[in-house]
Structure formats: structure tokens, C-alpha cells
């Protein structure tokens, strides 16, 4: 049985393309895994902050934030969000930008590292995206995040203590430094088997092809080694 193909994903909970990319990657990895026996992937999320200067409690809508932060005319922002909402719907996600509470995501990233230590990172990542983009939940306050942690089976008190102590802040910063070393300046960004990078919310077929390439290289390597032995 071959080792699972490792997928390292840099993303931010406040990134609409990251949730869309998550769904597209899941579809692509499903195509890959369904193509033969022994095919598996192992996913790990890494921290990336799109807007680290965002306050925890931003006073305004997503349109207000993008118009003010990016200097984009409000009408153009509405058109952008409508387009993103349509693309999200195509992968089964019902984005609600009117209800969305824009916030700082540093504590969410710390919590994702806490969840990784407990073997629950994938479940929590999905729950945080869902809360932020679909439910209008607040993913910047420690108390609200602790509730979301509990909803996926994590110990609420332990999660809250980890965020309040900053226990995993150094792990977040390590992820961010690695992103700089890799030259990652936008998310989502997928590193496949430690050697191939895929940027953005690509189609499922693109992810499936990348995984297939790694699989082919892996299966070819033992044969080549045997031939030269």
C-alpha cells in the first residue's frame, strides 16, 4: 500500500476562493482516489492572513471593507461579490455576503493549529468556512471560535485556553514564513507531495491530473530502481 500523497494547503478563513478551492480540490481528489486501489491523500492546512490589519470587530459590511481597503468602487464590489457567489453556488456553497461579519482571522488560525494537534483540523476548517461564508458567524472572537470548536468535538475550555494563551501563535507565524519562502503571495495555494504547486481555485480535473502525475512518478520510481539494480 502506497503512502498517501501529502497536500499542504495555505489558506485564510476569510478568503472566498479558499472555500471554493476546497470544494474543487475535494472533487479532484475524489476523482483521483476513485481511479484505482491504494490511492489516498493526506491534507494539512497552513496559515495565511490576507488582511492582518483588519480589526476583530469591523464596523461595516463586506462591501464597505473591500471598497475602503482596496479602493474599489462599491458598484464594482457588488459585481465582484455577485460573481463569486455564482461560482460558489456551482460547487454547492450558498454564500451570504450580506450576513458576513468581516473580522481578523489570527485566532482562527491559532485554533486550526490546536485542532491539528487533536486530529480535528479538517473538520474545524470546514466548520469555520461554513460559519463565516454561509451562516454569518463571527470567526474572530475567541469565545465564538471556542463554540465552533466544540461543535466538531473539541474541548471548548481547552480550545479557549489555547487561544487566550497564544500557545499556537508561533506555529501560525512559522506557516507564514514558509509561505514567504515558497513565494506564496495569494491563496488558496496547494503544495502537492512537497514539490508541485497549484495556485488558486482550479477545476477539479486540474487537481486530479496533478495527483495522477505524482502517482505515476511514484509507481515508476520502484520500477526504475529495480531495472538499474
C-alpha atoms as a PDB file:
ATOM      1  CA  UNK A   1       0.000   0.000   0.000  1.00  0.00           C
ATOM      2  CA  UNK A   2       1.461   3.351  -1.052  1.00  0.00           C
ATOM      3  CA  UNK A   3       1.776   6.219   1.392  1.00  0.00           C
ATOM      4  CA  UNK A   4      -0.909   8.887   0.981  1.00  0.00           C
ATOM      5  CA  UNK A   5       0.036  11.865  -1.180  1.00  0.00           C
ATOM      6  CA  UNK A   6       0.571  14.830   1.139  1.00  0.00           C
ATOM      7  CA  UNK A   7      -1.261  18.035   0.281  1.00  0.00           C
ATOM      8  CA  UNK A   8      -0.266  21.214   2.140  1.00  0.00           C
ATOM      9  CA  UNK A   9      -2.827  23.974   1.677  1.00  0.00           C
ATOM     10  CA  UNK A  10      -2.191  27.615   2.535  1.00  0.00           C
ATOM     11  CA  UNK A  11      -5.485  29.431   3.036  1.00  0.00           C
ATOM     12  CA  UNK A  12      -7.369  32.022   5.047  1.00  0.00           C
ATOM     13  CA  UNK A  13     -10.832  31.519   6.532  1.00  0.00           C
ATOM     14  CA  UNK A  14     -11.795  34.977   5.203  1.00  0.00           C
ATOM     15  CA  UNK A  15     -10.875  34.016   1.619  1.00  0.00           C
ATOM     16  CA  UNK A  16     -13.925  33.174  -0.521  1.00  0.00           C
ATOM     17  CA  UNK A  17     -11.788  31.465  -3.140  1.00  0.00           C
ATOM     18  CA  UNK A  18     -10.251  29.228  -0.466  1.00  0.00           C
ATOM     19  CA  UNK A  19     -13.608  27.637   0.366  1.00  0.00           C
ATOM     20  CA  UNK A  20     -14.421  27.281  -3.336  1.00  0.00           C
ATOM     21  CA  UNK A  21     -10.949  25.838  -3.899  1.00  0.00           C
ATOM     22  CA  UNK A  22     -11.502  23.420  -1.019  1.00  0.00           C
ATOM     23  CA  UNK A  23     -14.603  22.045  -2.707  1.00  0.00           C
ATOM     24  CA  UNK A  24     -12.890  21.801  -6.096  1.00  0.00           C
ATOM     25  CA  UNK A  25      -9.868  20.075  -4.584  1.00  0.00           C
ATOM     26  CA  UNK A  26     -12.134  17.595  -2.766  1.00  0.00           C
ATOM     27  CA  UNK A  27     -13.843  16.800  -6.066  1.00  0.00           C
ATOM     28  CA  UNK A  28     -10.489  16.390  -7.807  1.00  0.00           C
ATOM     29  CA  UNK A  29      -9.029  14.178  -5.091  1.00  0.00           C
ATOM     30  CA  UNK A  30     -12.220  12.110  -5.256  1.00  0.00           C
ATOM     31  CA  UNK A  31     -11.696  11.571  -8.980  1.00  0.00           C
ATOM     32  CA  UNK A  32      -8.097  10.564  -8.314  1.00  0.00           C
ATOM     33  CA  UNK A  33      -8.891   8.230  -5.415  1.00  0.00           C
ATOM     34  CA  UNK A  34     -11.683   6.572  -7.370  1.00  0.00           C
ATOM     35  CA  UNK A  35      -9.385   5.721 -10.276  1.00  0.00           C
ATOM     36  CA  UNK A  36      -7.675   2.779  -8.583  1.00  0.00           C
ATOM     37  CA  UNK A  37      -6.797   0.908  -5.424  1.00  0.00           C
ATOM     38  CA  UNK A  38      -4.422   2.319  -2.827  1.00  0.00           C
ATOM     39  CA  UNK A  39      -4.820   5.954  -3.848  1.00  0.00           C
ATOM     40  CA  UNK A  40      -5.186   8.302  -0.915  1.00  0.00           C
ATOM     41  CA  UNK A  41      -4.365  11.876   0.026  1.00  0.00           C
ATOM     42  CA  UNK A  42      -3.481  13.470   3.344  1.00  0.00           C
ATOM     43  CA  UNK A  43      -4.395  17.143   3.760  1.00  0.00           C
ATOM     44  CA  UNK A  44      -2.892  19.697   6.141  1.00  0.00           C
ATOM     45  CA  UNK A  45      -3.923  23.349   6.348  1.00  0.00           C
ATOM     46  CA  UNK A  46      -1.440  26.177   6.848  1.00  0.00           C
ATOM     47  CA  UNK A  47      -1.968  29.771   7.943  1.00  0.00           C
ATOM     48  CA  UNK A  48      -2.112  32.778   5.632  1.00  0.00           C
ATOM     49  CA  UNK A  49      -3.592  36.165   6.551  1.00  0.00           C
ATOM     50  CA  UNK A  50      -4.991  38.166   3.652  1.00  0.00           C
ATOM     51  CA  UNK A  51      -5.631  41.281   5.757  1.00  0.00           C
ATOM     52  CA  UNK A  52      -3.747  41.066   9.067  1.00  0.00           C
ATOM     53  CA  UNK A  53      -4.584  44.692   9.867  1.00  0.00           C
ATOM     54  CA  UNK A  54      -8.330  44.004   9.967  1.00  0.00           C
ATOM     55  CA  UNK A  55      -9.927  44.716  13.372  1.00  0.00           C
ATOM     56  CA  UNK A  56     -11.667  41.873  15.182  1.00  0.00           C
ATOM     57  CA  UNK A  57     -14.918  43.845  15.125  1.00  0.00           C
ATOM     58  CA  UNK A  58     -15.081  45.612  11.779  1.00  0.00           C
ATOM     59  CA  UNK A  59     -17.876  48.164  11.663  1.00  0.00           C
ATOM     60  CA  UNK A  60     -19.393  47.689   8.246  1.00  0.00           C
ATOM     61  CA  UNK A  61     -20.307  45.215   5.528  1.00  0.00           C
ATOM     62  CA  UNK A  62     -18.069  43.218   3.209  1.00  0.00           C
ATOM     63  CA  UNK A  63     -18.770  45.841   0.548  1.00  0.00           C
ATOM     64  CA  UNK A  64     -17.646  48.578   2.955  1.00  0.00           C
ATOM     65  CA  UNK A  65     -14.444  46.686   3.735  1.00  0.00           C
ATOM     66  CA  UNK A  66     -13.473  45.980   0.135  1.00  0.00           C
ATOM     67  CA  UNK A  67     -14.371  49.470  -1.048  1.00  0.00           C
ATOM     68  CA  UNK A  68     -12.390  51.056   1.774  1.00  0.00           C
ATOM     69  CA  UNK A  69      -9.487  48.619   1.968  1.00  0.00           C
ATOM     70  CA  UNK A  70      -8.957  48.058  -1.743  1.00  0.00           C
ATOM     71  CA  UNK A  71     -10.240  51.390  -3.015  1.00  0.00           C
ATOM     72  CA  UNK A  72     -12.677  49.667  -5.377  1.00  0.00           C
ATOM     73  CA  UNK A  73     -15.934  51.487  -6.238  1.00  0.00           C
ATOM     74  CA  UNK A  74     -18.886  49.996  -4.330  1.00  0.00           C
ATOM     75  CA  UNK A  75     -20.764  49.130  -7.528  1.00  0.00           C
ATOM     76  CA  UNK A  76     -17.785  47.162  -8.776  1.00  0.00           C
ATOM     77  CA  UNK A  77     -17.532  45.375  -5.424  1.00  0.00           C
ATOM     78  CA  UNK A  78     -21.185  44.316  -5.710  1.00  0.00           C
ATOM     79  CA  UNK A  79     -20.474  42.887  -9.164  1.00  0.00           C
ATOM     80  CA  UNK A  80     -17.412  41.029  -7.862  1.00  0.00           C
ATOM     81  CA  UNK A  81     -19.346  39.520  -4.972  1.00  0.00           C
ATOM     82  CA  UNK A  82     -22.212  38.514  -7.264  1.00  0.00           C
ATOM     83  CA  UNK A  83     -19.705  36.706  -9.489  1.00  0.00           C
ATOM     84  CA  UNK A  84     -18.069  34.932  -6.557  1.00  0.00           C
ATOM     85  CA  UNK A  85     -21.495  33.976  -5.173  1.00  0.00           C
ATOM     86  CA  UNK A  86     -22.382  32.394  -8.514  1.00  0.00           C
ATOM     87  CA  UNK A  87     -19.141  30.409  -8.673  1.00  0.00           C
ATOM     88  CA  UNK A  88     -19.607  29.271  -5.069  1.00  0.00           C
ATOM     89  CA  UNK A  89     -23.126  28.099  -5.921  1.00  0.00           C
ATOM     90  CA  UNK A  90     -21.683  25.987  -8.757  1.00  0.00           C
ATOM     91  CA  UNK A  91     -19.817  23.901  -6.164  1.00  0.00           C
ATOM     92  CA  UNK A  92     -22.750  23.723  -3.729  1.00  0.00           C
ATOM     93  CA  UNK A  93     -21.929  26.685  -1.467  1.00  0.00           C
ATOM     94  CA  UNK A  94     -24.604  29.280  -0.679  1.00  0.00           C
ATOM     95  CA  UNK A  95     -22.517  32.359   0.171  1.00  0.00           C
ATOM     96  CA  UNK A  96     -24.262  35.097   2.141  1.00  0.00           C
ATOM     97  CA  UNK A  97     -22.149  38.242   1.873  1.00  0.00           C
ATOM     98  CA  UNK A  98     -24.932  40.377   3.361  1.00  0.00           C
ATOM     99  CA  UNK A  99     -24.697  38.468   6.654  1.00  0.00           C
ATOM    100  CA  UNK A 100     -20.918  38.026   6.624  1.00  0.00           C
ATOM    101  CA  UNK A 101     -19.057  39.549   9.592  1.00  0.00           C
ATOM    102  CA  UNK A 102     -15.653  40.686   8.391  1.00  0.00           C
ATOM    103  CA  UNK A 103     -13.004  40.135  11.046  1.00  0.00           C
ATOM    104  CA  UNK A 104      -9.382  39.426  11.852  1.00  0.00           C
ATOM    105  CA  UNK A 105      -8.566  35.708  11.417  1.00  0.00           C
ATOM    106  CA  UNK A 106      -5.434  35.282  13.547  1.00  0.00           C
ATOM    107  CA  UNK A 107      -7.293  33.477  16.355  1.00  0.00           C
ATOM    108  CA  UNK A 108      -8.993  31.214  13.824  1.00  0.00           C
ATOM    109  CA  UNK A 109      -5.557  30.207  12.538  1.00  0.00           C
ATOM    110  CA  UNK A 110      -4.339  29.543  16.077  1.00  0.00           C
ATOM    111  CA  UNK A 111      -7.411  27.394  16.654  1.00  0.00           C
ATOM    112  CA  UNK A 112      -6.750  25.414  13.473  1.00  0.00           C
ATOM    113  CA  UNK A 113      -3.303  24.534  14.827  1.00  0.00           C
ATOM    114  CA  UNK A 114      -4.868  23.495  18.132  1.00  0.00           C
ATOM    115  CA  UNK A 115      -7.313  21.314  16.184  1.00  0.00           C
ATOM    116  CA  UNK A 116      -4.450  19.777  14.192  1.00  0.00           C
ATOM    117  CA  UNK A 117      -2.815  18.706  17.441  1.00  0.00           C
ATOM    118  CA  UNK A 118      -6.100  16.988  18.351  1.00  0.00           C
ATOM    119  CA  UNK A 119      -6.557  15.318  14.947  1.00  0.00           C
ATOM    120  CA  UNK A 120      -9.549  17.519  14.078  1.00  0.00           C
ATOM    121  CA  UNK A 121      -8.102  20.141  11.751  1.00  0.00           C
ATOM    122  CA  UNK A 122     -10.053  19.157   8.630  1.00  0.00           C
ATOM    123  CA  UNK A 123     -13.367  19.109  10.482  1.00  0.00           C
ATOM    124  CA  UNK A 124     -12.686  22.502  12.040  1.00  0.00           C
ATOM    125  CA  UNK A 125     -11.563  24.109   8.771  1.00  0.00           C
ATOM    126  CA  UNK A 126     -14.847  23.106   7.151  1.00  0.00           C
ATOM    127  CA  UNK A 127     -16.825  24.354  10.149  1.00  0.00           C
ATOM    128  CA  UNK A 128     -15.076  27.747  10.177  1.00  0.00           C
ATOM    129  CA  UNK A 129     -15.610  28.303   6.452  1.00  0.00           C
ATOM    130  CA  UNK A 130     -19.245  27.301   6.825  1.00  0.00           C
ATOM    131  CA  UNK A 131     -19.802  29.650   9.740  1.00  0.00           C
ATOM    132  CA  UNK A 132     -18.119  32.593   8.027  1.00  0.00           C
ATOM    133  CA  UNK A 133     -19.475  32.405   4.488  1.00  0.00           C
ATOM    134  CA  UNK A 134     -22.815  30.641   4.912  1.00  0.00           C
ATOM    135  CA  UNK A 135     -24.087  31.461   8.398  1.00  0.00           C
ATOM    136  CA  UNK A 136     -22.877  34.985   9.196  1.00  0.00           C
ATOM    137  CA  UNK A 137     -20.917  33.634  12.164  1.00  0.00           C
ATOM    138  CA  UNK A 138     -18.108  35.524  13.882  1.00  0.00           C
ATOM    139  CA  UNK A 139     -14.741  33.793  13.465  1.00  0.00           C
ATOM    140  CA  UNK A 140     -12.592  36.466  15.087  1.00  0.00           C
ATOM    141  CA  UNK A 141     -13.609  36.335  18.742  1.00  0.00           C
ATOM    142  CA  UNK A 142     -12.143  33.613  20.930  1.00  0.00           C
ATOM    143  CA  UNK A 143     -15.469  32.845  22.643  1.00  0.00           C
ATOM    144  CA  UNK A 144     -17.291  32.355  19.319  1.00  0.00           C
ATOM    145  CA  UNK A 145     -14.436  30.270  17.958  1.00  0.00           C
ATOM    146  CA  UNK A 146     -14.492  28.072  21.069  1.00  0.00           C
ATOM    147  CA  UNK A 147     -18.173  27.362  20.396  1.00  0.00           C
ATOM    148  CA  UNK A 148     -17.333  26.321  16.831  1.00  0.00           C
ATOM    149  CA  UNK A 149     -14.510  24.131  18.137  1.00  0.00           C
ATOM    150  CA  UNK A 150     -16.924  22.377  20.485  1.00  0.00           C
ATOM    151  CA  UNK A 151     -19.322  21.773  17.590  1.00  0.00           C
ATOM    152  CA  UNK A 152     -16.763  19.484  15.925  1.00  0.00           C
ATOM    153  CA  UNK A 153     -15.974  17.583  19.123  1.00  0.00           C
ATOM    154  CA  UNK A 154     -13.073  19.609  20.504  1.00  0.00           C
ATOM    155  CA  UNK A 155     -12.881  20.520  24.184  1.00  0.00           C
ATOM    156  CA  UNK A 156     -14.235  24.064  24.414  1.00  0.00           C
ATOM    157  CA  UNK A 157     -12.307  25.071  27.521  1.00  0.00           C
ATOM    158  CA  UNK A 158      -9.026  23.716  26.150  1.00  0.00           C
ATOM    159  CA  UNK A 159      -9.594  25.463  22.830  1.00  0.00           C
ATOM    160  CA  UNK A 160     -10.333  28.756  24.558  1.00  0.00           C
ATOM    161  CA  UNK A 161      -7.279  28.423  26.803  1.00  0.00           C
ATOM    162  CA  UNK A 162      -5.056  27.736  23.787  1.00  0.00           C
ATOM    163  CA  UNK A 163      -6.280  30.883  22.036  1.00  0.00           C
ATOM    164  CA  UNK A 164      -6.084  33.098  25.111  1.00  0.00           C
ATOM    165  CA  UNK A 165      -2.536  31.959  25.904  1.00  0.00           C
ATOM    166  CA  UNK A 166      -1.308  32.326  22.329  1.00  0.00           C
ATOM    167  CA  UNK A 167       0.098  28.803  22.544  1.00  0.00           C
ATOM    168  CA  UNK A 168      -0.104  28.252  18.780  1.00  0.00           C
ATOM    169  CA  UNK A 169       0.783  31.750  17.563  1.00  0.00           C
ATOM    170  CA  UNK A 170       4.356  30.687  16.817  1.00  0.00           C
ATOM    171  CA  UNK A 171       3.026  27.838  14.638  1.00  0.00           C
ATOM    172  CA  UNK A 172       0.936  30.357  12.687  1.00  0.00           C
ATOM    173  CA  UNK A 173       3.991  32.551  12.166  1.00  0.00           C
ATOM    174  CA  UNK A 174       6.042  29.530  11.046  1.00  0.00           C
ATOM    175  CA  UNK A 175       3.416  28.791   8.359  1.00  0.00           C
ATOM    176  CA  UNK A 176       3.532  32.393   7.220  1.00  0.00           C
ATOM    177  CA  UNK A 177       7.328  32.366   6.988  1.00  0.00           C
ATOM    178  CA  UNK A 178       7.203  29.166   4.934  1.00  0.00           C
ATOM    179  CA  UNK A 179       4.701  30.811   2.595  1.00  0.00           C
ATOM    180  CA  UNK A 180       7.176  33.647   2.034  1.00  0.00           C
ATOM    181  CA  UNK A 181       9.977  31.138   1.366  1.00  0.00           C
ATOM    182  CA  UNK A 182       7.777  29.374  -1.202  1.00  0.00           C
ATOM    183  CA  UNK A 183       6.891  32.699  -2.805  1.00  0.00           C
ATOM    184  CA  UNK A 184       3.199  32.322  -1.987  1.00  0.00           C
ATOM    185  CA  UNK A 185       1.514  35.710  -2.237  1.00  0.00           C
ATOM    186  CA  UNK A 186      -2.085  34.622  -2.714  1.00  0.00           C
ATOM    187  CA  UNK A 187      -4.365  31.847  -1.542  1.00  0.00           C
ATOM    188  CA  UNK A 188      -5.501  29.169  -1.860  1.00  0.00           C
ATOM    189  CA  UNK A 189      -2.155  27.606  -2.662  1.00  0.00           C
ATOM    190  CA  UNK A 190      -1.696  23.830  -2.792  1.00  0.00           C
ATOM    191  CA  UNK A 191       1.681  22.099  -2.456  1.00  0.00           C
ATOM    192  CA  UNK A 192       1.423  18.509  -3.667  1.00  0.00           C
ATOM    193  CA  UNK A 193       3.902  15.933  -2.389  1.00  0.00           C
ATOM    194  CA  UNK A 194       6.250  18.728  -1.346  1.00  0.00           C
ATOM    195  CA  UNK A 195       7.237  19.537  -4.934  1.00  0.00           C
ATOM    196  CA  UNK A 196       4.334  20.718  -7.094  1.00  0.00           C
ATOM    197  CA  UNK A 197       2.468  23.954  -6.501  1.00  0.00           C
ATOM    198  CA  UNK A 198      -1.069  24.677  -7.667  1.00  0.00           C
ATOM    199  CA  UNK A 199      -2.316  28.229  -7.215  1.00  0.00           C
ATOM    200  CA  UNK A 200      -5.964  29.249  -6.943  1.00  0.00           C
ATOM    201  CA  UNK A 201      -9.343  27.523  -7.064  1.00  0.00           C
ATOM    202  CA  UNK A 202      -8.574  25.393 -10.104  1.00  0.00           C
ATOM    203  CA  UNK A 203     -11.020  22.977 -11.693  1.00  0.00           C
ATOM    204  CA  UNK A 204     -11.351  19.528 -10.143  1.00  0.00           C
ATOM    205  CA  UNK A 205      -9.749  17.998 -13.240  1.00  0.00           C
ATOM    206  CA  UNK A 206      -6.599  20.080 -12.714  1.00  0.00           C
ATOM    207  CA  UNK A 207      -6.185  18.745  -9.188  1.00  0.00           C
ATOM    208  CA  UNK A 208      -6.914  15.198 -10.339  1.00  0.00           C
ATOM    209  CA  UNK A 209      -4.263  15.486 -13.068  1.00  0.00           C
ATOM    210  CA  UNK A 210      -1.654  16.830 -10.640  1.00  0.00           C
ATOM    211  CA  UNK A 211      -2.320  13.975  -8.224  1.00  0.00           C
ATOM    212  CA  UNK A 212      -2.195  11.491 -11.091  1.00  0.00           C
ATOM    213  CA  UNK A 213       1.198  12.841 -12.141  1.00  0.00           C
ATOM    214  CA  UNK A 214       2.599  12.330  -8.638  1.00  0.00           C
ATOM    215  CA  UNK A 215       1.094   8.840  -8.507  1.00  0.00           C
ATOM    216  CA  UNK A 216       2.636   7.936 -11.878  1.00  0.00           C
ATOM    217  CA  UNK A 217       6.044   9.195 -10.767  1.00  0.00           C
ATOM    218  CA  UNK A 218       5.810   7.213  -7.545  1.00  0.00           C
ATOM    219  CA  UNK A 219       4.857   3.981  -9.256  1.00  0.00           C
ATOM    220  CA  UNK A 220       7.555   4.452 -11.902  1.00  0.00           C
ATOM    221  CA  UNK A 221      10.350   5.049  -9.371  1.00  0.00           C
ATOM    222  CA  UNK A 222      10.472   1.487  -7.913  1.00  0.00           C
ATOM    223  CA  UNK A 223      10.444   0.002 -11.421  1.00  0.00           C
ATOM    224  CA  UNK A 224      13.349   2.212 -12.496  1.00  0.00           C
ATOM    225  CA  UNK A 225      15.272   1.337  -9.341  1.00  0.00           C
ATOM    226  CA  UNK A 226      14.730  -2.364  -9.959  1.00  0.00           C
ATOM    227  CA  UNK A 227      15.854  -2.034 -13.571  1.00  0.00           C
ATOM    228  CA  UNK A 228      19.129  -0.408 -12.583  1.00  0.00           C
ATOM    229  CA  UNK A 229      19.831  -2.745  -9.680  1.00  0.00           C
END
